[in-house]
Amino acid sequence: KVIPIYPALARIARISGTVRFTAIIARDGTIQNLTLVSGHPMLVQAATEAVRQWRYRPTLLNGDPVEVIAPIEVIFILNQ
């Protein structure tokens, strides 16, 4: 899992929150059809760049890998 880089402008503006996506996890564990559901515009690009690099263990059905639709959340929390 690649950790997103907190955007400097968002950090300066003290913006935090969750970016939500829906994606298809392909049979090989890669992210396909990443679709934004919600999230602050200043955080979306960093979240998208990180999530596109994520790899999952394939979901198995009767021992065979299958595509699945999955919700994905990326949470940005400012340091206290």
PDB file of N, CA and C in Angstrom:
ATOM      1  N   LYS A   1       0.847  -1.178   0.000  1.00  0.00           N
ATOM      2  CA  LYS A   1       0.000   0.000   0.000  1.00  0.00           C
ATOM      3  C   LYS A   1       0.888   1.236   0.000  1.00  0.00           C
ATOM      4  N   VAL A   2       0.649   2.136  -0.932  1.00  0.00           N
ATOM      5  CA  VAL A   2       1.388   3.384  -1.030  1.00  0.00           C
ATOM      6  C   VAL A   2       0.643   4.438  -0.211  1.00  0.00           C
ATOM      7  N   ILE A   3       1.371   5.102   0.679  1.00  0.00           N
ATOM      8  CA  ILE A   3       0.781   6.149   1.519  1.00  0.00           C
ATOM      9  C   ILE A   3       0.760   7.448   0.715  1.00  0.00           C
ATOM     10  N   PRO A   4      -0.397   8.128   0.654  1.00  0.00           N
ATOM     11  CA  PRO A   4      -0.450   9.380  -0.111  1.00  0.00           C
ATOM     12  C   PRO A   4       0.376  10.479   0.558  1.00  0.00           C
ATOM     13  N   ILE A   5       0.922  11.344  -0.260  1.00  0.00           N
ATOM     14  CA  ILE A   5       1.653  12.499   0.244  1.00  0.00           C
ATOM     15  C   ILE A   5       0.642  13.599   0.531  1.00  0.00           C
ATOM     16  N   TYR A   6       0.655  14.086   1.780  1.00  0.00           N
ATOM     17  CA  TYR A   6      -0.289  15.132   2.179  1.00  0.00           C
ATOM     18  C   TYR A   6       0.037  16.391   1.380  1.00  0.00           C
ATOM     19  N   PRO A   7      -0.903  16.919   0.611  1.00  0.00           N
ATOM     20  CA  PRO A   7      -0.622  18.124  -0.179  1.00  0.00           C
ATOM     21  C   PRO A   7      -0.243  19.301   0.732  1.00  0.00           C
ATOM     22  N   ALA A   8       0.839  19.997   0.373  1.00  0.00           N
ATOM     23  CA  ALA A   8       1.327  21.099   1.201  1.00  0.00           C
ATOM     24  C   ALA A   8       0.265  22.178   1.394  1.00  0.00           C
ATOM     25  N   LEU A   9      -0.437  22.531   0.321  1.00  0.00           N
ATOM     26  CA  LEU A   9      -1.475  23.565   0.435  1.00  0.00           C
ATOM     27  C   LEU A   9      -2.595  23.138   1.373  1.00  0.00           C
ATOM     28  N   ALA A  10      -2.976  21.870   1.323  1.00  0.00           N
ATOM     29  CA  ALA A  10      -4.025  21.364   2.212  1.00  0.00           C
ATOM     30  C   ALA A  10      -3.545  21.398   3.662  1.00  0.00           C
ATOM     31  N   ARG A  11      -2.277  21.071   3.876  1.00  0.00           N
ATOM     32  CA  ARG A  11      -1.718  21.104   5.233  1.00  0.00           C
ATOM     33  C   ARG A  11      -1.713  22.539   5.772  1.00  0.00           C
ATOM     34  N   ILE A  12      -1.276  23.485   4.933  1.00  0.00           N
ATOM     35  CA  ILE A  12      -1.238  24.899   5.340  1.00  0.00           C
ATOM     36  C   ILE A  12      -2.649  25.394   5.645  1.00  0.00           C
ATOM     37  N   ALA A  13      -3.615  24.972   4.835  1.00  0.00           N
ATOM     38  CA  ALA A  13      -5.013  25.392   5.033  1.00  0.00           C
ATOM     39  C   ALA A  13      -5.703  24.582   6.128  1.00  0.00           C
ATOM     40  N   ARG A  14      -4.958  23.626   6.726  1.00  0.00           N
ATOM     41  CA  ARG A  14      -5.479  22.787   7.808  1.00  0.00           C
ATOM     42  C   ARG A  14      -6.698  21.972   7.360  1.00  0.00           C
ATOM     43  N   ILE A  15      -6.618  21.446   6.143  1.00  0.00           N
ATOM     44  CA  ILE A  15      -7.705  20.634   5.595  1.00  0.00           C
ATOM     45  C   ILE A  15      -7.400  19.160   5.848  1.00  0.00           C
ATOM     46  N   SER A  16      -8.353  18.466   6.417  1.00  0.00           N
ATOM     47  CA  SER A  16      -8.243  17.028   6.617  1.00  0.00           C
ATOM     48  C   SER A  16      -9.562  16.407   6.186  1.00  0.00           C
ATOM     49  N   GLY A  17      -9.601  15.092   6.130  1.00  0.00           N
ATOM     50  CA  GLY A  17     -10.842  14.423   5.760  1.00  0.00           C
ATOM     51  C   GLY A  17     -10.596  13.120   5.044  1.00  0.00           C
ATOM     52  N   THR A  18     -11.675  12.554   4.566  1.00  0.00           N
ATOM     53  CA  THR A  18     -11.637  11.260   3.902  1.00  0.00           C
ATOM     54  C   THR A  18     -11.993  11.414   2.434  1.00  0.00           C
ATOM     55  N   VAL A  19     -11.201  10.772   1.586  1.00  0.00           N
ATOM     56  CA  VAL A  19     -11.505  10.704   0.156  1.00  0.00           C
ATOM     57  C   VAL A  19     -12.023   9.296  -0.098  1.00  0.00           C
ATOM     58  N   ARG A  20     -13.209   9.208  -0.680  1.00  0.00           N
ATOM     59  CA  ARG A  20     -13.848   7.913  -0.918  1.00  0.00           C
ATOM     60  C   ARG A  20     -13.916   7.610  -2.409  1.00  0.00           C
ATOM     61  N   PHE A  21     -13.594   6.366  -2.731  1.00  0.00           N
ATOM     62  CA  PHE A  21     -13.639   5.886  -4.106  1.00  0.00           C
ATOM     63  C   PHE A  21     -14.427   4.583  -4.168  1.00  0.00           C
ATOM     64  N   THR A  22     -14.833   4.229  -5.370  1.00  0.00           N
ATOM     65  CA  THR A  22     -15.299   2.886  -5.684  1.00  0.00           C
ATOM     66  C   THR A  22     -14.376   2.396  -6.795  1.00  0.00           C
ATOM     67  N   ALA A  23     -13.963   1.146  -6.706  1.00  0.00           N
ATOM     68  CA  ALA A  23     -13.047   0.614  -7.723  1.00  0.00           C
ATOM     69  C   ALA A  23     -13.355  -0.846  -7.979  1.00  0.00           C
ATOM     70  N   ILE A  24     -12.892  -1.305  -9.103  1.00  0.00           N
ATOM     71  CA  ILE A  24     -12.915  -2.733  -9.392  1.00  0.00           C
ATOM     72  C   ILE A  24     -11.514  -3.253  -9.109  1.00  0.00           C
ATOM     73  N   ILE A  25     -11.439  -4.276  -8.270  1.00  0.00           N
ATOM     74  CA  ILE A  25     -10.175  -4.951  -8.015  1.00  0.00           C
ATOM     75  C   ILE A  25     -10.108  -6.098  -9.024  1.00  0.00           C
ATOM     76  N   ALA A  26      -9.154  -6.016  -9.922  1.00  0.00           N
ATOM     77  CA  ALA A  26      -9.038  -7.008 -10.997  1.00  0.00           C
ATOM     78  C   ALA A  26      -8.563  -8.356 -10.458  1.00  0.00           C
ATOM     79  N   ARG A  27      -8.631  -9.363 -11.302  1.00  0.00           N
ATOM     80  CA  ARG A  27      -8.218 -10.708 -10.904  1.00  0.00           C
ATOM     81  C   ARG A  27      -6.749 -10.778 -10.486  1.00  0.00           C
ATOM     82  N   ASP A  28      -5.934  -9.849 -11.002  1.00  0.00           N
ATOM     83  CA  ASP A  28      -4.516  -9.845 -10.620  1.00  0.00           C
ATOM     84  C   ASP A  28      -4.237  -8.933  -9.422  1.00  0.00           C
ATOM     85  N   GLY A  29      -5.292  -8.342  -8.835  1.00  0.00           N
ATOM     86  CA  GLY A  29      -5.131  -7.514  -7.644  1.00  0.00           C
ATOM     87  C   GLY A  29      -4.899  -6.035  -7.921  1.00  0.00           C
ATOM     88  N   THR A  30      -4.894  -5.647  -9.191  1.00  0.00           N
ATOM     89  CA  THR A  30      -4.695  -4.238  -9.528  1.00  0.00           C
ATOM     90  C   THR A  30      -6.017  -3.475  -9.464  1.00  0.00           C
ATOM     91  N   ILE A  31      -5.895  -2.160  -9.313  1.00  0.00           N
ATOM     92  CA  ILE A  31      -7.060  -1.276  -9.262  1.00  0.00           C
ATOM     93  C   ILE A  31      -7.501  -0.960 -10.686  1.00  0.00           C
ATOM     94  N   GLN A  32      -8.773  -1.150 -10.963  1.00  0.00           N
ATOM     95  CA  GLN A  32      -9.356  -0.823 -12.268  1.00  0.00           C
ATOM     96  C   GLN A  32     -10.564   0.085 -12.035  1.00  0.00           C
ATOM     97  N   ASN A  33     -10.866   0.944 -12.959  1.00  0.00           N
ATOM     98  CA  ASN A  33     -12.068   1.800 -12.911  1.00  0.00           C
ATOM     99  C   ASN A  33     -12.223   2.513 -11.571  1.00  0.00           C
ATOM    100  N   LEU A  34     -11.211   3.262 -11.173  1.00  0.00           N
ATOM    101  CA  LEU A  34     -11.263   4.028  -9.929  1.00  0.00           C
ATOM    102  C   LEU A  34     -12.190   5.218 -10.123  1.00  0.00           C
ATOM    103  N   THR A  35     -13.243   5.291  -9.304  1.00  0.00           N
ATOM    104  CA  THR A  35     -14.243   6.344  -9.422  1.00  0.00           C
ATOM    105  C   THR A  35     -14.348   7.100  -8.106  1.00  0.00           C
ATOM    106  N   LEU A  36     -14.215   8.422  -8.169  1.00  0.00           N
ATOM    107  CA  LEU A  36     -14.333   9.257  -6.982  1.00  0.00           C
ATOM    108  C   LEU A  36     -15.783   9.307  -6.523  1.00  0.00           C
ATOM    109  N   VAL A  37     -15.995   9.093  -5.230  1.00  0.00           N
ATOM    110  CA  VAL A  37     -17.328   9.201  -4.631  1.00  0.00           C
ATOM    111  C   VAL A  37     -17.448  10.530  -3.902  1.00  0.00           C
ATOM    112  N   SER A  38     -16.450  10.855  -3.067  1.00  0.00           N
ATOM    113  CA  SER A  38     -16.464  12.116  -2.334  1.00  0.00           C
ATOM    114  C   SER A  38     -15.077  12.418  -1.789  1.00  0.00           C
ATOM    115  N   GLY A  39     -14.876  13.674  -1.430  1.00  0.00           N
ATOM    116  CA  GLY A  39     -13.608  14.073  -0.840  1.00  0.00           C
ATOM    117  C   GLY A  39     -13.302  15.521  -1.152  1.00  0.00           C
ATOM    118  N   HIS A  40     -12.515  16.136  -0.290  1.00  0.00           N
ATOM    119  CA  HIS A  40     -12.140  17.534  -0.496  1.00  0.00           C
ATOM    120  C   HIS A  40     -11.273  17.641  -1.751  1.00  0.00           C
ATOM    121  N   PRO A  41     -11.563  18.619  -2.617  1.00  0.00           N
ATOM    122  CA  PRO A  41     -10.813  18.753  -3.875  1.00  0.00           C
ATOM    123  C   PRO A  41      -9.296  18.878  -3.685  1.00  0.00           C
ATOM    124  N   MET A  42      -8.843  19.433  -2.574  1.00  0.00           N
ATOM    125  CA  MET A  42      -7.410  19.592  -2.357  1.00  0.00           C
ATOM    126  C   MET A  42      -6.734  18.266  -1.987  1.00  0.00           C
ATOM    127  N   LEU A  43      -7.519  17.257  -1.641  1.00  0.00           N
ATOM    128  CA  LEU A  43      -6.967  15.967  -1.235  1.00  0.00           C
ATOM    129  C   LEU A  43      -7.117  14.885  -2.299  1.00  0.00           C
ATOM    130  N   VAL A  44      -7.999  15.108  -3.256  1.00  0.00           N
ATOM    131  CA  VAL A  44      -8.356  14.070  -4.235  1.00  0.00           C
ATOM    132  C   VAL A  44      -7.172  13.610  -5.079  1.00  0.00           C
ATOM    133  N   GLN A  45      -6.373  14.529  -5.599  1.00  0.00           N
ATOM    134  CA  GLN A  45      -5.281  14.125  -6.487  1.00  0.00           C
ATOM    135  C   GLN A  45      -4.255  13.255  -5.757  1.00  0.00           C
ATOM    136  N   ALA A  46      -3.877  13.643  -4.554  1.00  0.00           N
ATOM    137  CA  ALA A  46      -2.896  12.857  -3.795  1.00  0.00           C
ATOM    138  C   ALA A  46      -3.446  11.461  -3.501  1.00  0.00           C
ATOM    139  N   ALA A  47      -4.725  11.390  -3.129  1.00  0.00           N
ATOM    140  CA  ALA A  47      -5.346  10.097  -2.839  1.00  0.00           C
ATOM    141  C   ALA A  47      -5.391   9.234  -4.100  1.00  0.00           C
ATOM    142  N   THR A  48      -5.769   9.831  -5.210  1.00  0.00           N
ATOM    143  CA  THR A  48      -5.875   9.091  -6.474  1.00  0.00           C
ATOM    144  C   THR A  48      -4.521   8.526  -6.891  1.00  0.00           C
ATOM    145  N   GLU A  49      -3.469   9.352  -6.819  1.00  0.00           N
ATOM    146  CA  GLU A  49      -2.136   8.898  -7.215  1.00  0.00           C
ATOM    147  C   GLU A  49      -1.665   7.727  -6.356  1.00  0.00           C
ATOM    148  N   ALA A  50      -1.967   7.764  -5.069  1.00  0.00           N
ATOM    149  CA  ALA A  50      -1.551   6.674  -4.178  1.00  0.00           C
ATOM    150  C   ALA A  50      -2.353   5.403  -4.461  1.00  0.00           C
ATOM    151  N   VAL A  51      -3.667   5.531  -4.525  1.00  0.00           N
ATOM    152  CA  VAL A  51      -4.534   4.355  -4.681  1.00  0.00           C
ATOM    153  C   VAL A  51      -4.266   3.634  -6.000  1.00  0.00           C
ATOM    154  N   ARG A  52      -3.978   4.365  -7.052  1.00  0.00           N
ATOM    155  CA  ARG A  52      -3.694   3.722  -8.348  1.00  0.00           C
ATOM    156  C   ARG A  52      -2.485   2.788  -8.273  1.00  0.00           C
ATOM    157  N   GLN A  53      -1.631   2.964  -7.269  1.00  0.00           N
ATOM    158  CA  GLN A  53      -0.451   2.107  -7.111  1.00  0.00           C
ATOM    159  C   GLN A  53      -0.698   0.932  -6.166  1.00  0.00           C
ATOM    160  N   TRP A  54      -1.835   0.922  -5.491  1.00  0.00           N
ATOM    161  CA  TRP A  54      -2.123  -0.150  -4.542  1.00  0.00           C
ATOM    162  C   TRP A  54      -2.310  -1.473  -5.266  1.00  0.00           C
ATOM    163  N   ARG A  55      -1.946  -2.548  -4.582  1.00  0.00           N
ATOM    164  CA  ARG A  55      -2.169  -3.903  -5.088  1.00  0.00           C
ATOM    165  C   ARG A  55      -2.827  -4.724  -3.985  1.00  0.00           C
ATOM    166  N   TYR A  56      -3.829  -5.484  -4.366  1.00  0.00           N
ATOM    167  CA  TYR A  56      -4.569  -6.327  -3.427  1.00  0.00           C
ATOM    168  C   TYR A  56      -4.287  -7.787  -3.723  1.00  0.00           C
ATOM    169  N   ARG A  57      -4.501  -8.621  -2.714  1.00  0.00           N
ATOM    170  CA  ARG A  57      -4.512 -10.055  -2.969  1.00  0.00           C
ATOM    171  C   ARG A  57      -5.811 -10.349  -3.709  1.00  0.00           C
ATOM    172  N   PRO A  58      -5.742 -11.073  -4.801  1.00  0.00           N
ATOM    173  CA  PRO A  58      -6.965 -11.367  -5.560  1.00  0.00           C
ATOM    174  C   PRO A  58      -8.015 -12.081  -4.694  1.00  0.00           C
ATOM    175  N   THR A  59      -9.264 -11.737  -4.932  1.00  0.00           N
ATOM    176  CA  THR A  59     -10.371 -12.418  -4.276  1.00  0.00           C
ATOM    177  C   THR A  59     -10.610 -13.734  -5.001  1.00  0.00           C
ATOM    178  N   LEU A  60     -10.743 -14.797  -4.228  1.00  0.00           N
ATOM    179  CA  LEU A  60     -10.937 -16.119  -4.830  1.00  0.00           C
ATOM    180  C   LEU A  60     -12.375 -16.585  -4.652  1.00  0.00           C
ATOM    181  N   LEU A  61     -12.920 -17.170  -5.696  1.00  0.00           N
ATOM    182  CA  LEU A  61     -14.238 -17.788  -5.664  1.00  0.00           C
ATOM    183  C   LEU A  61     -14.058 -19.199  -6.205  1.00  0.00           C
ATOM    184  N   ASN A  62     -14.295 -20.180  -5.348  1.00  0.00           N
ATOM    185  CA  ASN A  62     -14.053 -21.580  -5.704  1.00  0.00           C
ATOM    186  C   ASN A  62     -12.613 -21.791  -6.185  1.00  0.00           C
ATOM    187  N   GLY A  63     -11.687 -21.059  -5.561  1.00  0.00           N
ATOM    188  CA  GLY A  63     -10.278 -21.215  -5.889  1.00  0.00           C
ATOM    189  C   GLY A  63      -9.790 -20.411  -7.082  1.00  0.00           C
ATOM    190  N   ASP A  64     -10.704 -19.729  -7.775  1.00  0.00           N
ATOM    191  CA  ASP A  64     -10.320 -18.941  -8.951  1.00  0.00           C
ATOM    192  C   ASP A  64     -10.399 -17.455  -8.643  1.00  0.00           C
ATOM    193  N   PRO A  65      -9.434 -16.657  -9.103  1.00  0.00           N
ATOM    194  CA  PRO A  65      -9.500 -15.214  -8.877  1.00  0.00           C
ATOM    195  C   PRO A  65     -10.654 -14.590  -9.653  1.00  0.00           C
ATOM    196  N   VAL A  66     -11.339 -13.636  -9.009  1.00  0.00           N
ATOM    197  CA  VAL A  66     -12.466 -12.937  -9.638  1.00  0.00           C
ATOM    198  C   VAL A  66     -12.328 -11.440  -9.413  1.00  0.00           C
ATOM    199  N   GLU A  67     -12.943 -10.653 -10.298  1.00  0.00           N
ATOM    200  CA  GLU A  67     -13.012  -9.206 -10.105  1.00  0.00           C
ATOM    201  C   GLU A  67     -14.062  -8.906  -9.049  1.00  0.00           C
ATOM    202  N   VAL A  68     -13.797  -7.884  -8.232  1.00  0.00           N
ATOM    203  CA  VAL A  68     -14.777  -7.457  -7.240  1.00  0.00           C
ATOM    204  C   VAL A  68     -14.854  -5.932  -7.227  1.00  0.00           C
ATOM    205  N   ILE A  69     -16.022  -5.426  -6.872  1.00  0.00           N
ATOM    206  CA  ILE A  69     -16.208  -3.992  -6.684  1.00  0.00           C
ATOM    207  C   ILE A  69     -15.950  -3.713  -5.210  1.00  0.00           C
ATOM    208  N   ALA A  70     -15.116  -2.701  -4.948  1.00  0.00           N
ATOM    209  CA  ALA A  70     -14.743  -2.432  -3.562  1.00  0.00           C
ATOM    210  C   ALA A  70     -14.779  -0.942  -3.259  1.00  0.00           C
ATOM    211  N   PRO A  71     -15.266  -0.600  -2.056  1.00  0.00           N
ATOM    212  CA  PRO A  71     -15.131   0.794  -1.614  1.00  0.00           C
ATOM    213  C   PRO A  71     -13.712   0.998  -1.087  1.00  0.00           C
ATOM    214  N   ILE A  72     -13.148   2.157  -1.338  1.00  0.00           N
ATOM    215  CA  ILE A  72     -11.801   2.480  -0.860  1.00  0.00           C
ATOM    216  C   ILE A  72     -11.858   3.848  -0.189  1.00  0.00           C
ATOM    217  N   GLU A  73     -11.267   3.944   0.990  1.00  0.00           N
ATOM    218  CA  GLU A  73     -11.203   5.219   1.706  1.00  0.00           C
ATOM    219  C   GLU A  73      -9.752   5.573   1.993  1.00  0.00           C
ATOM    220  N   VAL A  74      -9.416   6.824   1.758  1.00  0.00           N
ATOM    221  CA  VAL A  74      -8.096   7.347   2.099  1.00  0.00           C
ATOM    222  C   VAL A  74      -8.337   8.474   3.092  1.00  0.00           C
ATOM    223  N   ILE A  75      -7.782   8.334   4.289  1.00  0.00           N
ATOM    224  CA  ILE A  75      -8.024   9.301   5.356  1.00  0.00           C
ATOM    225  C   ILE A  75      -6.795  10.186   5.533  1.00  0.00           C
ATOM    226  N   PHE A  76      -7.024  11.481   5.471  1.00  0.00           N
ATOM    227  CA  PHE A  76      -5.971  12.466   5.702  1.00  0.00           C
ATOM    228  C   PHE A  76      -6.207  13.091   7.069  1.00  0.00           C
ATOM    229  N   ILE A  77      -5.222  12.936   7.976  1.00  0.00           N
ATOM    230  CA  ILE A  77      -5.324  13.488   9.318  1.00  0.00           C
ATOM    231  C   ILE A  77      -4.128  14.409   9.552  1.00  0.00           C
ATOM    232  N   LEU A  78      -4.409  15.640   9.952  1.00  0.00           N
ATOM    233  CA  LEU A  78      -3.332  16.577  10.272  1.00  0.00           C
ATOM    234  C   LEU A  78      -2.663  16.146  11.567  1.00  0.00           C
ATOM    235  N   ASN A  79      -1.354  16.345  11.632  1.00  0.00           N
ATOM    236  CA  ASN A  79      -0.643  16.051  12.881  1.00  0.00           C
ATOM    237  C   ASN A  79      -1.136  17.008  13.957  1.00  0.00           C
ATOM    238  N   GLN A  80      -1.297  16.471  15.144  1.00  0.00           N
ATOM    239  CA  GLN A  80      -1.802  17.288  16.250  1.00  0.00           C
ATOM    240  C   GLN A  80      -0.753  18.226  16.761  1.00  0.00           C
TER     241      GLN A  80
END
